[in-house]
Amino acid sequence: MSIAEYKRLIEQEIQLHNFGKEPASLYEPIRYLMNIGGKRMRPLLVLLGYSLFKKSVKQAVPYAVAVEAFHNFTLMHDDIMDNAPLRRGNVTVHEKWNVNTAILSGDVMLVKVYDMFLSLKPEALKPVLKAFNTCAAEVCEGQQWDMEFETMNQVTVEQYIHMIRQKTAVLLGFSLEMGGMLAGASKTDCKALREFGINIGIGFQLMDDLLDAYADPKKFGKQVGGDIIANKKTFLLITALERANKQQHIELQQWLQTKKFNKQAKVKAVKQIFNELQIPELTEDKIKHYFDKGFKQLEKVGGNKTAKKVLKAFTEELIARQS
């Protein structure tokens, strides 16, 4: 099967889930968020991981969608915490409805994820849920670290990489690992798949950091410069603070401490310092480091060689994206 066919199966499965009926205001936000698109990277990785060891992926599709539902649950709550106005070019749930509804809809969404896993075969249910729970807890830990970084005077690159590993990358690793688990792959292959996913996940988050500041607004689907406006301690800002000369450091600190400012002026000024310090180029180097590290893990994975080429090509296509 092609990636397009995998996507069709995923979308078809999503449409089968009503998630709930009454009160409509609780469940409509779930359907809204699940249906406004997205790259469907995580469910695709489940199916691609599964395809390495099984020819037909249809049995894995419901669980791939469970992973997508969990991912969207985290987005619904993250958008509240970040006070984000847009998601995938659409109004966020808490803006379209209200914060309390978004909190409750996210809560019940997580409950529905567990419901979706309950149809697993008994021998698969416990190991999959154990791996999922470990991953889900790490995602929450990563989000908490992200919020704590906002009030910390200094965050190191190492601390930041650890945070994005938990918040973003482990779910990609779990997606591939679960695909292997469901297909009966060995523990060695499942571990290599997980490590492949984690490393490319770190690379993707670093790429998102870069795109947040430098992407084409028409393609990005989110507010460009949002991280700069919000003083998010991304790889770009942390590295800039570490490398800045005295004058650049003073200017960065002024922008970080100023409460009232013109958003466009702040983004322009901070990006100018980033450019002077070659932060985009340094970020691209770090992205490449993690992608290369990930592909070395993929080389260790057995399974169908053709399916492996499809997985690698899919990943490389995502690496080349500009939005």
C-alpha atoms as a PDB file:
ATOM      1  CA  MET A   1       0.000   0.000   0.000  1.00  0.00           C
ATOM      2  CA  SER A   2       1.037   3.603  -0.589  1.00  0.00           C
ATOM      3  CA  ILE A   3       1.140   6.440   1.951  1.00  0.00           C
ATOM      4  CA  ALA A   4      -1.962   7.854   0.262  1.00  0.00           C
ATOM      5  CA  GLU A   5      -3.785   4.575   0.881  1.00  0.00           C
ATOM      6  CA  TYR A   6      -2.671   4.546   4.513  1.00  0.00           C
ATOM      7  CA  LYS A   7      -4.021   8.085   4.903  1.00  0.00           C
ATOM      8  CA  ARG A   8      -7.312   7.045   3.347  1.00  0.00           C
ATOM      9  CA  LEU A   9      -7.653   4.190   5.835  1.00  0.00           C
ATOM     10  CA  ILE A  10      -6.862   6.530   8.729  1.00  0.00           C
ATOM     11  CA  GLU A  11      -9.385   9.169   7.634  1.00  0.00           C
ATOM     12  CA  GLN A  12     -11.989   6.484   7.035  1.00  0.00           C
ATOM     13  CA  GLU A  13     -11.456   5.141  10.567  1.00  0.00           C
ATOM     14  CA  ILE A  14     -11.669   8.634  12.076  1.00  0.00           C
ATOM     15  CA  GLN A  15     -15.056   9.135  10.435  1.00  0.00           C
ATOM     16  CA  LEU A  16     -16.311   5.944  12.086  1.00  0.00           C
ATOM     17  CA  HIS A  17     -15.817   7.505  15.516  1.00  0.00           C
ATOM     18  CA  ASN A  18     -18.564   9.787  16.748  1.00  0.00           C
ATOM     19  CA  PHE A  19     -16.742   9.967  20.120  1.00  0.00           C
ATOM     20  CA  GLY A  20     -20.063  10.686  21.863  1.00  0.00           C
ATOM     21  CA  LYS A  21     -23.415  12.416  21.363  1.00  0.00           C
ATOM     22  CA  GLU A  22     -24.746  14.349  24.335  1.00  0.00           C
ATOM     23  CA  PRO A  23     -24.098  16.998  25.391  1.00  0.00           C
ATOM     24  CA  ALA A  24     -23.168  18.023  21.862  1.00  0.00           C
ATOM     25  CA  SER A  25     -21.013  20.878  23.186  1.00  0.00           C
ATOM     26  CA  LEU A  26     -18.718  18.292  24.830  1.00  0.00           C
ATOM     27  CA  TYR A  27     -18.196  16.079  21.794  1.00  0.00           C
ATOM     28  CA  GLU A  28     -18.405  18.510  18.894  1.00  0.00           C
ATOM     29  CA  PRO A  29     -15.007  20.064  19.767  1.00  0.00           C
ATOM     30  CA  ILE A  30     -13.428  16.593  19.523  1.00  0.00           C
ATOM     31  CA  ARG A  31     -14.891  15.986  16.082  1.00  0.00           C
ATOM     32  CA  TYR A  32     -13.888  19.503  15.049  1.00  0.00           C
ATOM     33  CA  LEU A  33     -10.246  19.046  16.058  1.00  0.00           C
ATOM     34  CA  MET A  34      -9.964  15.532  14.628  1.00  0.00           C
ATOM     35  CA  ASN A  35     -11.341  16.712  11.296  1.00  0.00           C
ATOM     36  CA  ILE A  36      -9.350  19.889  10.634  1.00  0.00           C
ATOM     37  CA  GLY A  37      -6.539  17.912   9.116  1.00  0.00           C
ATOM     38  CA  GLY A  38      -2.958  17.688  10.206  1.00  0.00           C
ATOM     39  CA  LYS A  39      -0.138  15.596   8.803  1.00  0.00           C
ATOM     40  CA  ARG A  40      -1.384  12.408  10.541  1.00  0.00           C
ATOM     41  CA  MET A  41       2.298  11.656  11.118  1.00  0.00           C
ATOM     42  CA  ARG A  42       1.789   9.529  14.228  1.00  0.00           C
ATOM     43  CA  PRO A  43      -0.890   7.151  12.912  1.00  0.00           C
ATOM     44  CA  LEU A  44       1.063   6.845   9.669  1.00  0.00           C
ATOM     45  CA  LEU A  45       4.143   5.849  11.655  1.00  0.00           C
ATOM     46  CA  VAL A  46       2.097   3.163  13.433  1.00  0.00           C
ATOM     47  CA  LEU A  47       1.064   1.698  10.086  1.00  0.00           C
ATOM     48  CA  LEU A  48       4.533   2.042   8.586  1.00  0.00           C
ATOM     49  CA  GLY A  49       6.055   0.292  11.592  1.00  0.00           C
ATOM     50  CA  TYR A  50       3.451  -2.455  11.323  1.00  0.00           C
ATOM     51  CA  SER A  51       4.019  -2.826   7.562  1.00  0.00           C
ATOM     52  CA  LEU A  52       7.635  -3.809   8.136  1.00  0.00           C
ATOM     53  CA  PHE A  53       6.453  -7.148   9.509  1.00  0.00           C
ATOM     54  CA  LYS A  54       2.913  -7.660   8.147  1.00  0.00           C
ATOM     55  CA  LYS A  55       1.650  -7.228   4.597  1.00  0.00           C
ATOM     56  CA  SER A  56      -1.823  -5.849   5.384  1.00  0.00           C
ATOM     57  CA  VAL A  57      -2.057  -2.978   7.863  1.00  0.00           C
ATOM     58  CA  LYS A  58      -5.852  -2.953   8.235  1.00  0.00           C
ATOM     59  CA  GLN A  59      -5.831  -4.616  11.658  1.00  0.00           C
ATOM     60  CA  ALA A  60      -3.589  -1.872  13.017  1.00  0.00           C
ATOM     61  CA  VAL A  61      -5.666   1.076  11.746  1.00  0.00           C
ATOM     62  CA  PRO A  62      -7.973   1.442  14.818  1.00  0.00           C
ATOM     63  CA  TYR A  63      -4.961   1.658  17.127  1.00  0.00           C
ATOM     64  CA  ALA A  64      -3.192   4.085  14.818  1.00  0.00           C
ATOM     65  CA  VAL A  65      -6.246   6.343  15.147  1.00  0.00           C
ATOM     66  CA  ALA A  66      -6.138   5.914  18.942  1.00  0.00           C
ATOM     67  CA  VAL A  67      -2.633   7.398  18.860  1.00  0.00           C
ATOM     68  CA  GLU A  68      -3.894  10.279  16.701  1.00  0.00           C
ATOM     69  CA  ALA A  69      -6.730  10.900  19.165  1.00  0.00           C
ATOM     70  CA  PHE A  70      -4.237  11.035  22.033  1.00  0.00           C
ATOM     71  CA  HIS A  71      -2.070  13.463  20.077  1.00  0.00           C
ATOM     72  CA  ASN A  72      -5.067  15.711  19.453  1.00  0.00           C
ATOM     73  CA  PHE A  73      -6.017  15.544  23.138  1.00  0.00           C
ATOM     74  CA  THR A  74      -2.573  16.950  23.993  1.00  0.00           C
ATOM     75  CA  LEU A  75      -2.991  19.682  21.366  1.00  0.00           C
ATOM     76  CA  MET A  76      -6.367  20.729  22.752  1.00  0.00           C
ATOM     77  CA  HIS A  77      -4.900  21.241  26.216  1.00  0.00           C
ATOM     78  CA  ASP A  78      -1.566  22.643  24.985  1.00  0.00           C
ATOM     79  CA  ASP A  79      -3.395  25.337  23.015  1.00  0.00           C
ATOM     80  CA  ILE A  80      -5.133  26.457  26.223  1.00  0.00           C
ATOM     81  CA  MET A  81      -1.832  26.631  28.121  1.00  0.00           C
ATOM     82  CA  ASP A  82      -0.156  28.490  25.260  1.00  0.00           C
ATOM     83  CA  ASN A  83      -3.179  30.731  24.665  1.00  0.00           C
ATOM     84  CA  ALA A  84      -2.786  29.846  20.972  1.00  0.00           C
ATOM     85  CA  PRO A  85      -5.280  31.439  18.559  1.00  0.00           C
ATOM     86  CA  LEU A  86      -4.742  29.058  15.642  1.00  0.00           C
ATOM     87  CA  ARG A  87      -4.233  25.331  15.084  1.00  0.00           C
ATOM     88  CA  ARG A  88      -3.666  24.024  11.548  1.00  0.00           C
ATOM     89  CA  GLY A  89      -4.837  27.358  10.208  1.00  0.00           C
ATOM     90  CA  ASN A  90      -8.154  27.094  12.100  1.00  0.00           C
ATOM     91  CA  VAL A  91      -9.421  28.681  15.288  1.00  0.00           C
ATOM     92  CA  THR A  92      -8.383  26.678  18.357  1.00  0.00           C
ATOM     93  CA  VAL A  93     -11.042  24.850  20.391  1.00  0.00           C
ATOM     94  CA  HIS A  94     -10.832  27.124  23.441  1.00  0.00           C
ATOM     95  CA  GLU A  95     -11.279  30.169  21.172  1.00  0.00           C
ATOM     96  CA  LYS A  96     -14.150  28.658  19.171  1.00  0.00           C
ATOM     97  CA  TRP A  97     -15.969  27.421  22.290  1.00  0.00           C
ATOM     98  CA  ASN A  98     -14.403  28.346  25.655  1.00  0.00           C
ATOM     99  CA  VAL A  99     -11.610  27.219  27.956  1.00  0.00           C
ATOM    100  CA  ASN A 100     -13.763  25.088  30.256  1.00  0.00           C
ATOM    101  CA  THR A 101     -15.302  23.202  27.337  1.00  0.00           C
ATOM    102  CA  ALA A 102     -11.854  22.609  25.838  1.00  0.00           C
ATOM    103  CA  ILE A 103     -10.587  21.196  29.143  1.00  0.00           C
ATOM    104  CA  LEU A 104     -13.534  18.807  29.489  1.00  0.00           C
ATOM    105  CA  SER A 105     -13.492  17.793  25.833  1.00  0.00           C
ATOM    106  CA  GLY A 106      -9.813  16.988  26.143  1.00  0.00           C
ATOM    107  CA  ASP A 107     -10.455  14.943  29.282  1.00  0.00           C
ATOM    108  CA  VAL A 108     -13.136  12.795  27.674  1.00  0.00           C
ATOM    109  CA  MET A 109     -10.998  12.479  24.559  1.00  0.00           C
ATOM    110  CA  LEU A 110      -8.315  10.751  26.632  1.00  0.00           C
ATOM    111  CA  VAL A 111     -10.959   8.394  28.056  1.00  0.00           C
ATOM    112  CA  LYS A 112     -12.019   7.529  24.510  1.00  0.00           C
ATOM    113  CA  VAL A 113      -8.396   6.690  23.642  1.00  0.00           C
ATOM    114  CA  TYR A 114      -8.399   3.962  26.273  1.00  0.00           C
ATOM    115  CA  ASP A 115     -11.736   2.724  24.942  1.00  0.00           C
ATOM    116  CA  MET A 116     -10.148   2.408  21.498  1.00  0.00           C
ATOM    117  CA  PHE A 117      -7.308   0.287  22.885  1.00  0.00           C
ATOM    118  CA  LEU A 118      -9.685  -2.120  24.648  1.00  0.00           C
ATOM    119  CA  SER A 119     -10.295  -4.116  21.461  1.00  0.00           C
ATOM    120  CA  LEU A 120      -6.654  -5.240  21.404  1.00  0.00           C
ATOM    121  CA  LYS A 121      -6.075  -8.964  21.734  1.00  0.00           C
ATOM    122  CA  PRO A 122      -5.532  -9.952  25.398  1.00  0.00           C
ATOM    123  CA  GLU A 123      -1.867 -10.842  24.865  1.00  0.00           C
ATOM    124  CA  ALA A 124      -1.215  -7.408  23.312  1.00  0.00           C
ATOM    125  CA  LEU A 125      -3.352  -5.252  25.605  1.00  0.00           C
ATOM    126  CA  LYS A 126      -1.092  -5.157  28.670  1.00  0.00           C
ATOM    127  CA  PRO A 127       2.279  -4.540  26.919  1.00  0.00           C
ATOM    128  CA  VAL A 128       0.779  -1.917  24.600  1.00  0.00           C
ATOM    129  CA  LEU A 129      -0.967  -0.071  27.438  1.00  0.00           C
ATOM    130  CA  LYS A 130       2.169  -0.247  29.580  1.00  0.00           C
ATOM    131  CA  ALA A 131       4.238   1.310  26.781  1.00  0.00           C
ATOM    132  CA  PHE A 132       1.487   3.858  26.073  1.00  0.00           C
ATOM    133  CA  ASN A 133       1.191   4.886  29.728  1.00  0.00           C
ATOM    134  CA  THR A 134       4.949   5.377  29.972  1.00  0.00           C
ATOM    135  CA  CYS A 135       4.838   7.515  26.848  1.00  0.00           C
ATOM    136  CA  ALA A 136       1.759   9.502  27.957  1.00  0.00           C
ATOM    137  CA  ALA A 137       3.310  10.303  31.338  1.00  0.00           C
ATOM    138  CA  GLU A 138       6.487  11.512  29.630  1.00  0.00           C
ATOM    139  CA  VAL A 139       4.445  13.758  27.329  1.00  0.00           C
ATOM    140  CA  CYS A 140       2.878  15.384  30.403  1.00  0.00           C
ATOM    141  CA  GLU A 141       6.277  15.679  32.092  1.00  0.00           C
ATOM    142  CA  GLY A 142       7.645  17.360  28.992  1.00  0.00           C
ATOM    143  CA  GLN A 143       4.783  19.836  28.911  1.00  0.00           C
ATOM    144  CA  GLN A 144       5.354  20.669  32.585  1.00  0.00           C
ATOM    145  CA  TRP A 145       9.055  21.248  31.952  1.00  0.00           C
ATOM    146  CA  ASP A 146       8.114  23.487  29.027  1.00  0.00           C
ATOM    147  CA  MET A 147       5.932  25.597  31.307  1.00  0.00           C
ATOM    148  CA  GLU A 148       8.553  25.689  34.072  1.00  0.00           C
ATOM    149  CA  PHE A 149      11.134  26.927  31.595  1.00  0.00           C
ATOM    150  CA  GLU A 150       9.018  30.074  31.208  1.00  0.00           C
ATOM    151  CA  THR A 151       9.921  31.212  34.737  1.00  0.00           C
ATOM    152  CA  MET A 152      13.497  29.900  34.832  1.00  0.00           C
ATOM    153  CA  ASN A 153      16.210  32.504  34.305  1.00  0.00           C
ATOM    154  CA  GLN A 154      18.473  30.077  32.494  1.00  0.00           C
ATOM    155  CA  VAL A 155      17.764  26.917  30.500  1.00  0.00           C
ATOM    156  CA  THR A 156      20.532  24.905  28.873  1.00  0.00           C
ATOM    157  CA  VAL A 157      20.384  23.272  25.452  1.00  0.00           C
ATOM    158  CA  GLU A 158      20.639  19.877  27.199  1.00  0.00           C
ATOM    159  CA  GLN A 159      17.604  20.654  29.366  1.00  0.00           C
ATOM    160  CA  TYR A 160      15.693  21.816  26.320  1.00  0.00           C
ATOM    161  CA  ILE A 161      16.489  18.677  24.301  1.00  0.00           C
ATOM    162  CA  HIS A 162      15.346  16.533  27.247  1.00  0.00           C
ATOM    163  CA  MET A 163      12.089  18.492  27.387  1.00  0.00           C
ATOM    164  CA  ILE A 164      11.271  18.131  23.681  1.00  0.00           C
ATOM    165  CA  ARG A 165      12.243  14.472  23.809  1.00  0.00           C
ATOM    166  CA  GLN A 166       9.483  13.957  26.367  1.00  0.00           C
ATOM    167  CA  LYS A 167       6.900  16.430  25.106  1.00  0.00           C
ATOM    168  CA  THR A 168       7.109  15.579  21.406  1.00  0.00           C
ATOM    169  CA  ALA A 169       9.544  12.852  20.432  1.00  0.00           C
ATOM    170  CA  VAL A 170       8.514   9.936  22.654  1.00  0.00           C
ATOM    171  CA  LEU A 171       5.073   9.795  21.013  1.00  0.00           C
ATOM    172  CA  LEU A 172       6.672   9.318  17.593  1.00  0.00           C
ATOM    173  CA  GLY A 173       8.855   6.634  19.116  1.00  0.00           C
ATOM    174  CA  PHE A 174       5.840   4.922  20.683  1.00  0.00           C
ATOM    175  CA  SER A 175       3.913   5.085  17.387  1.00  0.00           C
ATOM    176  CA  LEU A 176       6.609   3.123  15.561  1.00  0.00           C
ATOM    177  CA  GLU A 177       7.216   0.817  18.513  1.00  0.00           C
ATOM    178  CA  MET A 178       3.512  -0.025  18.809  1.00  0.00           C
ATOM    179  CA  GLY A 179       3.331  -0.744  15.089  1.00  0.00           C
ATOM    180  CA  GLY A 180       6.122  -3.258  15.561  1.00  0.00           C
ATOM    181  CA  MET A 181       4.556  -4.717  18.726  1.00  0.00           C
ATOM    182  CA  LEU A 182       1.187  -5.265  17.051  1.00  0.00           C
ATOM    183  CA  ALA A 183       2.894  -6.979  14.125  1.00  0.00           C
ATOM    184  CA  GLY A 184       4.814  -9.369  16.388  1.00  0.00           C
ATOM    185  CA  ALA A 185       8.274  -7.844  15.859  1.00  0.00           C
ATOM    186  CA  SER A 186      11.139  -8.748  18.183  1.00  0.00           C
ATOM    187  CA  LYS A 187      11.959  -6.606  21.215  1.00  0.00           C
ATOM    188  CA  THR A 188      15.213  -5.606  19.513  1.00  0.00           C
ATOM    189  CA  ASP A 189      13.388  -4.350  16.426  1.00  0.00           C
ATOM    190  CA  CYS A 190      10.758  -2.577  18.535  1.00  0.00           C
ATOM    191  CA  LYS A 191      13.461  -0.815  20.563  1.00  0.00           C
ATOM    192  CA  ALA A 192      15.306   0.300  17.408  1.00  0.00           C
ATOM    193  CA  LEU A 193      12.036   1.580  15.942  1.00  0.00           C
ATOM    194  CA  ARG A 194      11.342   3.512  19.144  1.00  0.00           C
ATOM    195  CA  GLU A 195      14.815   5.081  19.130  1.00  0.00           C
ATOM    196  CA  PHE A 196      14.457   5.942  15.439  1.00  0.00           C
ATOM    197  CA  GLY A 197      11.169   7.700  16.197  1.00  0.00           C
ATOM    198  CA  ILE A 198      12.531   9.558  19.216  1.00  0.00           C
ATOM    199  CA  ASN A 199      15.518  10.929  17.320  1.00  0.00           C
ATOM    200  CA  ILE A 200      13.528  12.051  14.300  1.00  0.00           C
ATOM    201  CA  GLY A 201      10.977  13.485  16.748  1.00  0.00           C
ATOM    202  CA  ILE A 202      13.644  15.679  18.321  1.00  0.00           C
ATOM    203  CA  GLY A 203      14.704  16.704  14.829  1.00  0.00           C
ATOM    204  CA  PHE A 204      11.114  17.564  13.868  1.00  0.00           C
ATOM    205  CA  GLN A 205      10.599  19.690  16.987  1.00  0.00           C
ATOM    206  CA  LEU A 206      13.808  21.588  16.308  1.00  0.00           C
ATOM    207  CA  MET A 207      12.533  22.082  12.763  1.00  0.00           C
ATOM    208  CA  ASP A 208       9.259  23.434  14.160  1.00  0.00           C
ATOM    209  CA  ASP A 209      11.255  25.872  16.286  1.00  0.00           C
ATOM    210  CA  LEU A 210      13.008  27.085  13.155  1.00  0.00           C
ATOM    211  CA  LEU A 211       9.819  27.251  11.099  1.00  0.00           C
ATOM    212  CA  ASP A 212       8.006  29.146  13.859  1.00  0.00           C
ATOM    213  CA  ALA A 213      10.409  32.011  13.329  1.00  0.00           C
ATOM    214  CA  TYR A 214      11.200  31.687   9.618  1.00  0.00           C
ATOM    215  CA  ALA A 215       8.328  29.946   7.814  1.00  0.00           C
ATOM    216  CA  ASP A 216       6.060  31.458   5.179  1.00  0.00           C
ATOM    217  CA  PRO A 217       2.959  32.572   7.146  1.00  0.00           C
ATOM    218  CA  LYS A 218       0.675  31.364   4.326  1.00  0.00           C
ATOM    219  CA  LYS A 219       2.067  27.826   4.600  1.00  0.00           C
ATOM    220  CA  PHE A 220       2.725  27.511   8.320  1.00  0.00           C
ATOM    221  CA  GLY A 221      -0.861  27.341   9.620  1.00  0.00           C
ATOM    222  CA  LYS A 222       0.126  29.014  12.895  1.00  0.00           C
ATOM    223  CA  GLN A 223       1.201  32.468  13.957  1.00  0.00           C
ATOM    224  CA  VAL A 224       4.758  32.970  12.680  1.00  0.00           C
ATOM    225  CA  GLY A 225       6.986  34.341  15.417  1.00  0.00           C
ATOM    226  CA  GLY A 226       4.651  33.060  18.122  1.00  0.00           C
ATOM    227  CA  ASP A 227       7.526  31.585  20.123  1.00  0.00           C
ATOM    228  CA  ILE A 228       9.408  34.883  20.037  1.00  0.00           C
ATOM    229  CA  ILE A 229       6.331  36.853  21.081  1.00  0.00           C
ATOM    230  CA  ALA A 230       5.688  34.443  23.968  1.00  0.00           C
ATOM    231  CA  ASN A 231       9.352  34.364  25.104  1.00  0.00           C
ATOM    232  CA  LYS A 232       9.403  30.589  24.572  1.00  0.00           C
ATOM    233  CA  LYS A 233      12.795  29.170  25.441  1.00  0.00           C
ATOM    234  CA  THR A 234      13.363  27.341  22.174  1.00  0.00           C
ATOM    235  CA  PHE A 235      16.665  26.016  20.872  1.00  0.00           C
ATOM    236  CA  LEU A 236      16.987  29.242  18.877  1.00  0.00           C
ATOM    237  CA  LEU A 237      16.610  31.578  21.865  1.00  0.00           C
ATOM    238  CA  ILE A 238      18.680  29.450  24.257  1.00  0.00           C
ATOM    239  CA  THR A 239      21.534  29.230  21.759  1.00  0.00           C
ATOM    240  CA  ALA A 240      21.309  32.953  21.007  1.00  0.00           C
ATOM    241  CA  LEU A 241      21.562  33.822  24.710  1.00  0.00           C
ATOM    242  CA  GLU A 242      24.585  31.537  25.052  1.00  0.00           C
ATOM    243  CA  ARG A 243      26.382  33.021  22.026  1.00  0.00           C
ATOM    244  CA  ALA A 244      25.358  36.695  22.240  1.00  0.00           C
ATOM    245  CA  ASN A 245      27.891  39.445  22.824  1.00  0.00           C
ATOM    246  CA  LYS A 246      27.242  42.008  25.561  1.00  0.00           C
ATOM    247  CA  GLN A 247      25.137  44.352  23.419  1.00  0.00           C
ATOM    248  CA  GLN A 248      23.105  41.538  21.826  1.00  0.00           C
ATOM    249  CA  HIS A 249      22.498  40.016  25.260  1.00  0.00           C
ATOM    250  CA  ILE A 250      21.244  43.330  26.630  1.00  0.00           C
ATOM    251  CA  GLU A 251      18.894  43.775  23.670  1.00  0.00           C
ATOM    252  CA  LEU A 252      17.539  40.229  23.959  1.00  0.00           C
ATOM    253  CA  GLN A 253      16.935  40.676  27.692  1.00  0.00           C
ATOM    254  CA  GLN A 254      15.131  43.959  27.048  1.00  0.00           C
ATOM    255  CA  TRP A 255      12.736  42.235  24.653  1.00  0.00           C
ATOM    256  CA  LEU A 256      12.259  39.319  27.068  1.00  0.00           C
ATOM    257  CA  GLN A 257      11.410  41.637  29.971  1.00  0.00           C
ATOM    258  CA  THR A 258       9.257  44.207  28.168  1.00  0.00           C
ATOM    259  CA  LYS A 259       5.560  43.615  28.868  1.00  0.00           C
ATOM    260  CA  LYS A 260       4.059  45.984  26.305  1.00  0.00           C
ATOM    261  CA  PHE A 261       5.477  45.868  22.796  1.00  0.00           C
ATOM    262  CA  ASN A 262       4.655  45.819  19.101  1.00  0.00           C
ATOM    263  CA  LYS A 263       4.606  42.142  18.124  1.00  0.00           C
ATOM    264  CA  GLN A 264       5.995  42.636  14.630  1.00  0.00           C
ATOM    265  CA  ALA A 265       8.777  44.885  15.924  1.00  0.00           C
ATOM    266  CA  LYS A 266       9.800  42.309  18.539  1.00  0.00           C
ATOM    267  CA  VAL A 267       9.859  39.438  16.046  1.00  0.00           C
ATOM    268  CA  LYS A 268      11.902  41.491  13.577  1.00  0.00           C
ATOM    269  CA  ALA A 269      14.420  42.615  16.200  1.00  0.00           C
ATOM    270  CA  VAL A 270      14.943  39.192  17.755  1.00  0.00           C
ATOM    271  CA  LYS A 271      15.278  37.528  14.347  1.00  0.00           C
ATOM    272  CA  GLN A 272      17.898  40.120  13.416  1.00  0.00           C
ATOM    273  CA  ILE A 273      19.985  38.996  16.400  1.00  0.00           C
ATOM    274  CA  PHE A 274      19.368  35.354  15.474  1.00  0.00           C
ATOM    275  CA  ASN A 275      20.670  36.093  11.986  1.00  0.00           C
ATOM    276  CA  GLU A 276      23.753  37.907  13.287  1.00  0.00           C
ATOM    277  CA  LEU A 277      24.592  34.871  15.447  1.00  0.00           C
ATOM    278  CA  GLN A 278      23.894  32.384  12.621  1.00  0.00           C
ATOM    279  CA  ILE A 279      21.208  30.710  14.730  1.00  0.00           C
ATOM    280  CA  PRO A 280      19.269  29.330  11.704  1.00  0.00           C
ATOM    281  CA  GLU A 281      22.403  27.562  10.438  1.00  0.00           C
ATOM    282  CA  LEU A 282      23.235  26.176  13.904  1.00  0.00           C
ATOM    283  CA  THR A 283      19.672  24.920  14.262  1.00  0.00           C
ATOM    284  CA  GLU A 284      19.840  23.204  10.887  1.00  0.00           C
ATOM    285  CA  ASP A 285      23.070  21.479  11.969  1.00  0.00           C
ATOM    286  CA  LYS A 286      21.420  20.217  15.150  1.00  0.00           C
ATOM    287  CA  ILE A 287      18.383  19.011  13.181  1.00  0.00           C
ATOM    288  CA  LYS A 288      20.656  17.059  10.842  1.00  0.00           C
ATOM    289  CA  HIS A 289      22.482  15.509  13.808  1.00  0.00           C
ATOM    290  CA  TYR A 290      19.273  14.000  15.189  1.00  0.00           C
ATOM    291  CA  PHE A 291      17.940  12.877  11.834  1.00  0.00           C
ATOM    292  CA  ASP A 292      21.247  11.137  11.074  1.00  0.00           C
ATOM    293  CA  LYS A 293      21.186   9.512  14.504  1.00  0.00           C
ATOM    294  CA  GLY A 294      17.641   8.314  13.854  1.00  0.00           C
ATOM    295  CA  PHE A 295      18.428   6.788  10.469  1.00  0.00           C
ATOM    296  CA  LYS A 296      21.292   4.828  12.029  1.00  0.00           C
ATOM    297  CA  GLN A 297      18.729   3.234  14.344  1.00  0.00           C
ATOM    298  CA  LEU A 298      16.460   2.460  11.381  1.00  0.00           C
ATOM    299  CA  GLU A 299      19.326   0.554   9.751  1.00  0.00           C
ATOM    300  CA  LYS A 300      19.219  -1.869  12.704  1.00  0.00           C
ATOM    301  CA  VAL A 301      15.561  -2.764  12.091  1.00  0.00           C
ATOM    302  CA  GLY A 302      14.724  -5.935  10.204  1.00  0.00           C
ATOM    303  CA  GLY A 303      11.523  -6.641   8.309  1.00  0.00           C
ATOM    304  CA  ASN A 304      10.439  -6.098   4.735  1.00  0.00           C
ATOM    305  CA  LYS A 305      13.036  -4.082   2.791  1.00  0.00           C
ATOM    306  CA  THR A 306      10.494  -2.436   0.504  1.00  0.00           C
ATOM    307  CA  ALA A 307       8.393  -1.306   3.476  1.00  0.00           C
ATOM    308  CA  LYS A 308      11.532  -0.003   5.117  1.00  0.00           C
ATOM    309  CA  LYS A 309      12.300   2.108   2.034  1.00  0.00           C
ATOM    310  CA  VAL A 310       8.764   3.531   2.164  1.00  0.00           C
ATOM    311  CA  LEU A 311       9.224   4.454   5.850  1.00  0.00           C
ATOM    312  CA  LYS A 312      12.562   6.110   5.126  1.00  0.00           C
ATOM    313  CA  ALA A 313      11.167   8.003   2.117  1.00  0.00           C
ATOM    314  CA  PHE A 314       8.187   9.199   4.180  1.00  0.00           C
ATOM    315  CA  THR A 315      10.526  10.511   6.868  1.00  0.00           C
ATOM    316  CA  GLU A 316      12.784  12.217   4.332  1.00  0.00           C
ATOM    317  CA  GLU A 317       9.766  13.906   2.761  1.00  0.00           C
ATOM    318  CA  LEU A 318       8.774  15.315   6.145  1.00  0.00           C
ATOM    319  CA  ILE A 319      12.330  16.533   6.680  1.00  0.00           C
ATOM    320  CA  ALA A 320      12.087  18.521   3.435  1.00  0.00           C
ATOM    321  CA  ARG A 321       8.813  20.231   4.393  1.00  0.00           C
ATOM    322  CA  GLN A 322       8.499  23.992   4.722  1.00  0.00           C
ATOM    323  CA  SER A 323       5.326  24.243   6.804  1.00  0.00           C
END
